[in-house]
Amino acid sequence: MSGSQSYWYNLSNQTVTRADERPSEDTIGPFATAEEAADSPAVLLEHARAWLDSEESEPFRAMAEESGDDTDYA
């Protein structure tokens, strides 16, 4: 994306930011459009849920159970 405008989603204040460089640690991106940046939290949640449902997350669930963490990861 060098040479073009990029968009970032700020997780702290839940806004889209235009920037040529990453504005802060609280941002995710870059995205090609403001719309992609605005939709990114929902997309990330969808990916996280899919990962939790996959076999890849099993070792992490086992570690959480061993540590007594009662968080529902599924």
PDB file of N, CA and C in Angstrom:
ATOM      1  N   MET A   1       0.803  -1.206   0.000  1.00  0.00           N
ATOM      2  CA  MET A   1       0.000   0.000   0.000  1.00  0.00           C
ATOM      3  C   MET A   1       0.840   1.261   0.000  1.00  0.00           C
ATOM      4  N   SER A   2       2.114   1.116  -0.148  1.00  0.00           N
ATOM      5  CA  SER A   2       2.941   2.308  -0.122  1.00  0.00           C
ATOM      6  C   SER A   2       2.585   3.220  -1.275  1.00  0.00           C
ATOM      7  N   GLY A   3       2.584   4.519  -0.960  1.00  0.00           N
ATOM      8  CA  GLY A   3       2.265   5.500  -1.978  1.00  0.00           C
ATOM      9  C   GLY A   3       0.789   5.803  -2.098  1.00  0.00           C
ATOM     10  N   SER A   4      -0.067   5.047  -1.421  1.00  0.00           N
ATOM     11  CA  SER A   4      -1.495   5.323  -1.470  1.00  0.00           C
ATOM     12  C   SER A   4      -2.020   5.543  -0.064  1.00  0.00           C
ATOM     13  N   GLN A   5      -3.165   6.167   0.011  1.00  0.00           N
ATOM     14  CA  GLN A   5      -3.788   6.427   1.305  1.00  0.00           C
ATOM     15  C   GLN A   5      -4.274   5.126   1.916  1.00  0.00           C
ATOM     16  N   SER A   6      -4.052   4.943   3.194  1.00  0.00           N
ATOM     17  CA  SER A   6      -4.528   3.759   3.874  1.00  0.00           C
ATOM     18  C   SER A   6      -5.437   4.168   5.023  1.00  0.00           C
ATOM     19  N   TYR A   7      -6.219   3.216   5.466  1.00  0.00           N
ATOM     20  CA  TYR A   7      -7.171   3.443   6.541  1.00  0.00           C
ATOM     21  C   TYR A   7      -6.911   2.442   7.652  1.00  0.00           C
ATOM     22  N   TRP A   8      -7.088   2.881   8.867  1.00  0.00           N
ATOM     23  CA  TRP A   8      -6.860   2.064  10.051  1.00  0.00           C
ATOM     24  C   TRP A   8      -8.099   2.151  10.924  1.00  0.00           C
ATOM     25  N   TYR A   9      -8.350   1.101  11.697  1.00  0.00           N
ATOM     26  CA  TYR A   9      -9.453   1.128  12.646  1.00  0.00           C
ATOM     27  C   TYR A   9      -8.862   1.257  14.045  1.00  0.00           C
ATOM     28  N   ASN A  10      -9.286   2.278  14.775  1.00  0.00           N
ATOM     29  CA  ASN A  10      -8.801   2.519  16.122  1.00  0.00           C
ATOM     30  C   ASN A  10      -9.707   1.775  17.096  1.00  0.00           C
ATOM     31  N   LEU A  11      -9.152   0.785  17.781  1.00  0.00           N
ATOM     32  CA  LEU A  11      -9.925  -0.035  18.705  1.00  0.00           C
ATOM     33  C   LEU A  11     -10.313   0.719  19.970  1.00  0.00           C
ATOM     34  N   SER A  12      -9.536   1.708  20.373  1.00  0.00           N
ATOM     35  CA  SER A  12      -9.820   2.454  21.597  1.00  0.00           C
ATOM     36  C   SER A  12     -11.043   3.350  21.461  1.00  0.00           C
ATOM     37  N   ASN A  13     -11.088   4.097  20.371  1.00  0.00           N
ATOM     38  CA  ASN A  13     -12.215   5.022  20.218  1.00  0.00           C
ATOM     39  C   ASN A  13     -13.198   4.597  19.123  1.00  0.00           C
ATOM     40  N   GLN A  14     -12.981   3.418  18.557  1.00  0.00           N
ATOM     41  CA  GLN A  14     -13.870   2.809  17.565  1.00  0.00           C
ATOM     42  C   GLN A  14     -14.171   3.745  16.383  1.00  0.00           C
ATOM     43  N   THR A  15     -13.081   4.274  15.823  1.00  0.00           N
ATOM     44  CA  THR A  15     -13.201   5.142  14.665  1.00  0.00           C
ATOM     45  C   THR A  15     -12.225   4.717  13.580  1.00  0.00           C
ATOM     46  N   VAL A  16     -12.513   5.150  12.359  1.00  0.00           N
ATOM     47  CA  VAL A  16     -11.625   4.922  11.220  1.00  0.00           C
ATOM     48  C   VAL A  16     -10.700   6.115  11.108  1.00  0.00           C
ATOM     49  N   THR A  17      -9.411   5.822  10.905  1.00  0.00           N
ATOM     50  CA  THR A  17      -8.397   6.864  10.801  1.00  0.00           C
ATOM     51  C   THR A  17      -7.704   6.763   9.456  1.00  0.00           C
ATOM     52  N   ARG A  18      -7.520   7.888   8.792  1.00  0.00           N
ATOM     53  CA  ARG A  18      -6.723   7.922   7.556  1.00  0.00           C
ATOM     54  C   ARG A  18      -5.288   8.231   7.935  1.00  0.00           C
ATOM     55  N   ALA A  19      -4.378   7.461   7.382  1.00  0.00           N
ATOM     56  CA  ALA A  19      -2.968   7.709   7.689  1.00  0.00           C
ATOM     57  C   ALA A  19      -2.087   6.969   6.702  1.00  0.00           C
ATOM     58  N   ASP A  20      -0.926   7.547   6.434  1.00  0.00           N
ATOM     59  CA  ASP A  20       0.051   6.885   5.590  1.00  0.00           C
ATOM     60  C   ASP A  20       0.874   5.887   6.402  1.00  0.00           C
ATOM     61  N   GLU A  21       0.942   6.106   7.695  1.00  0.00           N
ATOM     62  CA  GLU A  21       1.649   5.203   8.582  1.00  0.00           C
ATOM     63  C   GLU A  21       0.726   4.843   9.734  1.00  0.00           C
ATOM     64  N   ARG A  22       1.017   3.717  10.372  1.00  0.00           N
ATOM     65  CA  ARG A  22       0.183   3.273  11.487  1.00  0.00           C
ATOM     66  C   ARG A  22       0.138   4.357  12.565  1.00  0.00           C
ATOM     67  N   PRO A  23      -1.064   4.832  12.898  1.00  0.00           N
ATOM     68  CA  PRO A  23      -1.179   5.948  13.829  1.00  0.00           C
ATOM     69  C   PRO A  23      -0.827   5.611  15.288  1.00  0.00           C
ATOM     70  N   SER A  24      -1.172   4.437  15.795  1.00  0.00           N
ATOM     71  CA  SER A  24      -0.882   4.097  17.185  1.00  0.00           C
ATOM     72  C   SER A  24      -0.964   2.591  17.378  1.00  0.00           C
ATOM     73  N   GLU A  25      -0.640   2.151  18.583  1.00  0.00           N
ATOM     74  CA  GLU A  25      -0.709   0.729  18.912  1.00  0.00           C
ATOM     75  C   GLU A  25      -2.144   0.216  18.981  1.00  0.00           C
ATOM     76  N   ASP A  26      -3.090   1.110  19.120  1.00  0.00           N
ATOM     77  CA  ASP A  26      -4.496   0.722  19.268  1.00  0.00           C
ATOM     78  C   ASP A  26      -5.217   0.550  17.941  1.00  0.00           C
ATOM     79  N   THR A  27      -4.468   0.522  16.843  1.00  0.00           N
ATOM     80  CA  THR A  27      -5.100   0.443  15.534  1.00  0.00           C
ATOM     81  C   THR A  27      -4.810  -0.884  14.848  1.00  0.00           C
ATOM     82  N   ILE A  28      -5.732  -1.278  13.970  1.00  0.00           N
ATOM     83  CA  ILE A  28      -5.534  -2.450  13.120  1.00  0.00           C
ATOM     84  C   ILE A  28      -5.667  -2.004  11.683  1.00  0.00           C
ATOM     85  N   GLY A  29      -4.970  -2.693  10.804  1.00  0.00           N
ATOM     86  CA  GLY A  29      -4.985  -2.327   9.407  1.00  0.00           C
ATOM     87  C   GLY A  29      -3.603  -2.543   8.828  1.00  0.00           C
ATOM     88  N   PRO A  30      -3.305  -1.996   7.714  1.00  0.00           N
ATOM     89  CA  PRO A  30      -4.095  -1.011   6.981  1.00  0.00           C
ATOM     90  C   PRO A  30      -5.161  -1.659   6.097  1.00  0.00           C
ATOM     91  N   PHE A  31      -6.136  -0.875   5.732  1.00  0.00           N
ATOM     92  CA  PHE A  31      -7.198  -1.283   4.830  1.00  0.00           C
ATOM     93  C   PHE A  31      -7.221  -0.334   3.644  1.00  0.00           C
ATOM     94  N   ALA A  32      -7.679  -0.831   2.511  1.00  0.00           N
ATOM     95  CA  ALA A  32      -7.690  -0.037   1.280  1.00  0.00           C
ATOM     96  C   ALA A  32      -8.773   1.029   1.296  1.00  0.00           C
ATOM     97  N   THR A  33      -9.882   0.745   1.987  1.00  0.00           N
ATOM     98  CA  THR A  33     -10.995   1.706   2.018  1.00  0.00           C
ATOM     99  C   THR A  33     -11.457   1.939   3.446  1.00  0.00           C
ATOM    100  N   ALA A  34     -12.134   3.053   3.648  1.00  0.00           N
ATOM    101  CA  ALA A  34     -12.698   3.356   4.963  1.00  0.00           C
ATOM    102  C   ALA A  34     -13.760   2.328   5.338  1.00  0.00           C
ATOM    103  N   GLU A  35     -14.491   1.831   4.352  1.00  0.00           N
ATOM    104  CA  GLU A  35     -15.542   0.843   4.612  1.00  0.00           C
ATOM    105  C   GLU A  35     -14.946  -0.465   5.138  1.00  0.00           C
ATOM    106  N   GLU A  36     -13.839  -0.907   4.528  1.00  0.00           N
ATOM    107  CA  GLU A  36     -13.159  -2.121   5.009  1.00  0.00           C
ATOM    108  C   GLU A  36     -12.691  -1.932   6.441  1.00  0.00           C
ATOM    109  N   ALA A  37     -12.147  -0.782   6.748  1.00  0.00           N
ATOM    110  CA  ALA A  37     -11.684  -0.503   8.104  1.00  0.00           C
ATOM    111  C   ALA A  37     -12.851  -0.512   9.083  1.00  0.00           C
ATOM    112  N   ALA A  38     -13.961   0.096   8.704  1.00  0.00           N
ATOM    113  CA  ALA A  38     -15.134   0.156   9.581  1.00  0.00           C
ATOM    114  C   ALA A  38     -15.713  -1.231   9.842  1.00  0.00           C
ATOM    115  N   ASP A  39     -15.628  -2.113   8.864  1.00  0.00           N
ATOM    116  CA  ASP A  39     -16.163  -3.471   9.008  1.00  0.00           C
ATOM    117  C   ASP A  39     -15.193  -4.421   9.704  1.00  0.00           C
ATOM    118  N   SER A  40     -13.972  -3.999   9.931  1.00  0.00           N
ATOM    119  CA  SER A  40     -12.935  -4.907  10.429  1.00  0.00           C
ATOM    120  C   SER A  40     -13.236  -5.540  11.783  1.00  0.00           C
ATOM    121  N   PRO A  41     -13.834  -4.855  12.755  1.00  0.00           N
ATOM    122  CA  PRO A  41     -14.114  -5.549  14.020  1.00  0.00           C
ATOM    123  C   PRO A  41     -15.036  -6.758  13.838  1.00  0.00           C
ATOM    124  N   ALA A  42     -16.044  -6.642  13.009  1.00  0.00           N
ATOM    125  CA  ALA A  42     -16.956  -7.760  12.767  1.00  0.00           C
ATOM    126  C   ALA A  42     -16.243  -8.905  12.054  1.00  0.00           C
ATOM    127  N   VAL A  43     -15.366  -8.572  11.120  1.00  0.00           N
ATOM    128  CA  VAL A  43     -14.612  -9.602  10.395  1.00  0.00           C
ATOM    129  C   VAL A  43     -13.649 -10.311  11.349  1.00  0.00           C
ATOM    130  N   LEU A  44     -12.975  -9.556  12.207  1.00  0.00           N
ATOM    131  CA  LEU A  44     -12.058 -10.156  13.173  1.00  0.00           C
ATOM    132  C   LEU A  44     -12.804 -11.085  14.133  1.00  0.00           C
ATOM    133  N   LEU A  45     -13.971 -10.683  14.580  1.00  0.00           N
ATOM    134  CA  LEU A  45     -14.768 -11.515  15.467  1.00  0.00           C
ATOM    135  C   LEU A  45     -15.189 -12.812  14.777  1.00  0.00           C
ATOM    136  N   GLU A  46     -15.568 -12.701  13.514  1.00  0.00           N
ATOM    137  CA  GLU A  46     -15.935 -13.884  12.730  1.00  0.00           C
ATOM    138  C   GLU A  46     -14.760 -14.858  12.607  1.00  0.00           C
ATOM    139  N   HIS A  47     -13.578 -14.318  12.335  1.00  0.00           N
ATOM    140  CA  HIS A  47     -12.381 -15.158  12.231  1.00  0.00           C
ATOM    141  C   HIS A  47     -12.025 -15.780  13.581  1.00  0.00           C
ATOM    142  N   ALA A  48     -12.162 -15.015  14.644  1.00  0.00           N
ATOM    143  CA  ALA A  48     -11.849 -15.536  15.978  1.00  0.00           C
ATOM    144  C   ALA A  48     -12.795 -16.672  16.351  1.00  0.00           C
ATOM    145  N   ARG A  49     -14.066 -16.511  16.059  1.00  0.00           N
ATOM    146  CA  ARG A  49     -15.025 -17.575  16.355  1.00  0.00           C
ATOM    147  C   ARG A  49     -14.728 -18.827  15.533  1.00  0.00           C
ATOM    148  N   ALA A  50     -14.363 -18.646  14.279  1.00  0.00           N
ATOM    149  CA  ALA A  50     -14.030 -19.797  13.433  1.00  0.00           C
ATOM    150  C   ALA A  50     -12.793 -20.508  13.980  1.00  0.00           C
ATOM    151  N   TRP A  51     -11.807 -19.746  14.451  1.00  0.00           N
ATOM    152  CA  TRP A  51     -10.608 -20.353  15.018  1.00  0.00           C
ATOM    153  C   TRP A  51     -10.943 -21.122  16.285  1.00  0.00           C
ATOM    154  N   LEU A  52     -11.797 -20.531  17.129  1.00  0.00           N
ATOM    155  CA  LEU A  52     -12.177 -21.215  18.364  1.00  0.00           C
ATOM    156  C   LEU A  52     -12.890 -22.531  18.094  1.00  0.00           C
ATOM    157  N   ASP A  53     -13.612 -22.601  16.999  1.00  0.00           N
ATOM    158  CA  ASP A  53     -14.327 -23.820  16.626  1.00  0.00           C
ATOM    159  C   ASP A  53     -13.413 -24.835  15.939  1.00  0.00           C
ATOM    160  N   SER A  54     -12.201 -24.436  15.610  1.00  0.00           N
ATOM    161  CA  SER A  54     -11.287 -25.322  14.886  1.00  0.00           C
ATOM    162  C   SER A  54     -10.452 -26.163  15.857  1.00  0.00           C
ATOM    163  N   GLU A  55      -9.844 -27.194  15.302  1.00  0.00           N
ATOM    164  CA  GLU A  55      -8.967 -28.045  16.099  1.00  0.00           C
ATOM    165  C   GLU A  55      -7.708 -27.305  16.549  1.00  0.00           C
ATOM    166  N   GLU A  56      -7.322 -26.260  15.834  1.00  0.00           N
ATOM    167  CA  GLU A  56      -6.116 -25.505  16.179  1.00  0.00           C
ATOM    168  C   GLU A  56      -6.202 -24.881  17.568  1.00  0.00           C
ATOM    169  N   SER A  57      -7.396 -24.610  18.053  1.00  0.00           N
ATOM    170  CA  SER A  57      -7.539 -23.953  19.349  1.00  0.00           C
ATOM    171  C   SER A  57      -7.534 -24.932  20.516  1.00  0.00           C
ATOM    172  N   GLU A  58      -7.581 -26.219  20.238  1.00  0.00           N
ATOM    173  CA  GLU A  58      -7.645 -27.226  21.304  1.00  0.00           C
ATOM    174  C   GLU A  58      -6.530 -27.103  22.341  1.00  0.00           C
ATOM    175  N   PRO A  59      -5.261 -26.958  21.939  1.00  0.00           N
ATOM    176  CA  PRO A  59      -4.204 -26.841  22.962  1.00  0.00           C
ATOM    177  C   PRO A  59      -4.421 -25.647  23.891  1.00  0.00           C
ATOM    178  N   PHE A  60      -4.953 -24.571  23.367  1.00  0.00           N
ATOM    179  CA  PHE A  60      -5.173 -23.374  24.170  1.00  0.00           C
ATOM    180  C   PHE A  60      -6.349 -23.564  25.122  1.00  0.00           C
ATOM    181  N   ARG A  61      -7.367 -24.281  24.677  1.00  0.00           N
ATOM    182  CA  ARG A  61      -8.485 -24.600  25.562  1.00  0.00           C
ATOM    183  C   ARG A  61      -8.003 -25.483  26.702  1.00  0.00           C
ATOM    184  N   ALA A  62      -7.150 -26.467  26.400  1.00  0.00           N
ATOM    185  CA  ALA A  62      -6.615 -27.355  27.426  1.00  0.00           C
ATOM    186  C   ALA A  62      -5.801 -26.563  28.448  1.00  0.00           C
ATOM    187  N   MET A  63      -4.988 -25.623  27.994  1.00  0.00           N
ATOM    188  CA  MET A  63      -4.204 -24.802  28.914  1.00  0.00           C
ATOM    189  C   MET A  63      -5.115 -23.976  29.812  1.00  0.00           C
ATOM    190  N   ALA A  64      -6.196 -23.437  29.245  1.00  0.00           N
ATOM    191  CA  ALA A  64      -7.129 -22.633  30.036  1.00  0.00           C
ATOM    192  C   ALA A  64      -7.809 -23.495  31.094  1.00  0.00           C
ATOM    193  N   GLU A  65      -8.161 -24.730  30.734  1.00  0.00           N
ATOM    194  CA  GLU A  65      -8.797 -25.629  31.696  1.00  0.00           C
ATOM    195  C   GLU A  65      -7.837 -25.981  32.822  1.00  0.00           C
ATOM    196  N   GLU A  66      -6.570 -26.206  32.493  1.00  0.00           N
ATOM    197  CA  GLU A  66      -5.569 -26.543  33.500  1.00  0.00           C
ATOM    198  C   GLU A  66      -5.313 -25.384  34.456  1.00  0.00           C
ATOM    199  N   SER A  67      -5.408 -24.165  33.947  1.00  0.00           N
ATOM    200  CA  SER A  67      -5.138 -22.997  34.782  1.00  0.00           C
ATOM    201  C   SER A  67      -6.345 -22.601  35.621  1.00  0.00           C
ATOM    202  N   GLY A  68      -7.488 -23.262  35.390  1.00  0.00           N
ATOM    203  CA  GLY A  68      -8.686 -22.937  36.146  1.00  0.00           C
ATOM    204  C   GLY A  68      -9.451 -21.761  35.588  1.00  0.00           C
ATOM    205  N   ASP A  69      -9.076 -21.310  34.419  1.00  0.00           N
ATOM    206  CA  ASP A  69      -9.777 -20.216  33.762  1.00  0.00           C
ATOM    207  C   ASP A  69     -11.151 -20.707  33.337  1.00  0.00           C
ATOM    208  N   ASP A  70     -12.204 -20.075  33.835  1.00  0.00           N
ATOM    209  CA  ASP A  70     -13.561 -20.536  33.515  1.00  0.00           C
ATOM    210  C   ASP A  70     -14.205 -19.756  32.367  1.00  0.00           C
ATOM    211  N   THR A  71     -13.401 -19.075  31.567  1.00  0.00           N
ATOM    212  CA  THR A  71     -13.899 -18.341  30.419  1.00  0.00           C
ATOM    213  C   THR A  71     -14.437 -19.301  29.389  1.00  0.00           C
ATOM    214  N   ASP A  72     -15.597 -18.983  28.822  1.00  0.00           N
ATOM    215  CA  ASP A  72     -16.197 -19.824  27.777  1.00  0.00           C
ATOM    216  C   ASP A  72     -15.590 -19.411  26.446  1.00  0.00           C
ATOM    217  N   TYR A  73     -14.730 -20.266  25.876  1.00  0.00           N
ATOM    218  CA  TYR A  73     -14.042 -19.942  24.641  1.00  0.00           C
ATOM    219  C   TYR A  73     -14.778 -20.421  23.400  1.00  0.00           C
ATOM    220  N   ALA A  74     -15.895 -21.051  23.534  1.00  0.00           N
ATOM    221  CA  ALA A  74     -16.598 -21.565  22.357  1.00  0.00           C
ATOM    222  C   ALA A  74     -17.916 -20.887  22.171  1.00  0.00           C
TER     223      ALA A  74
END
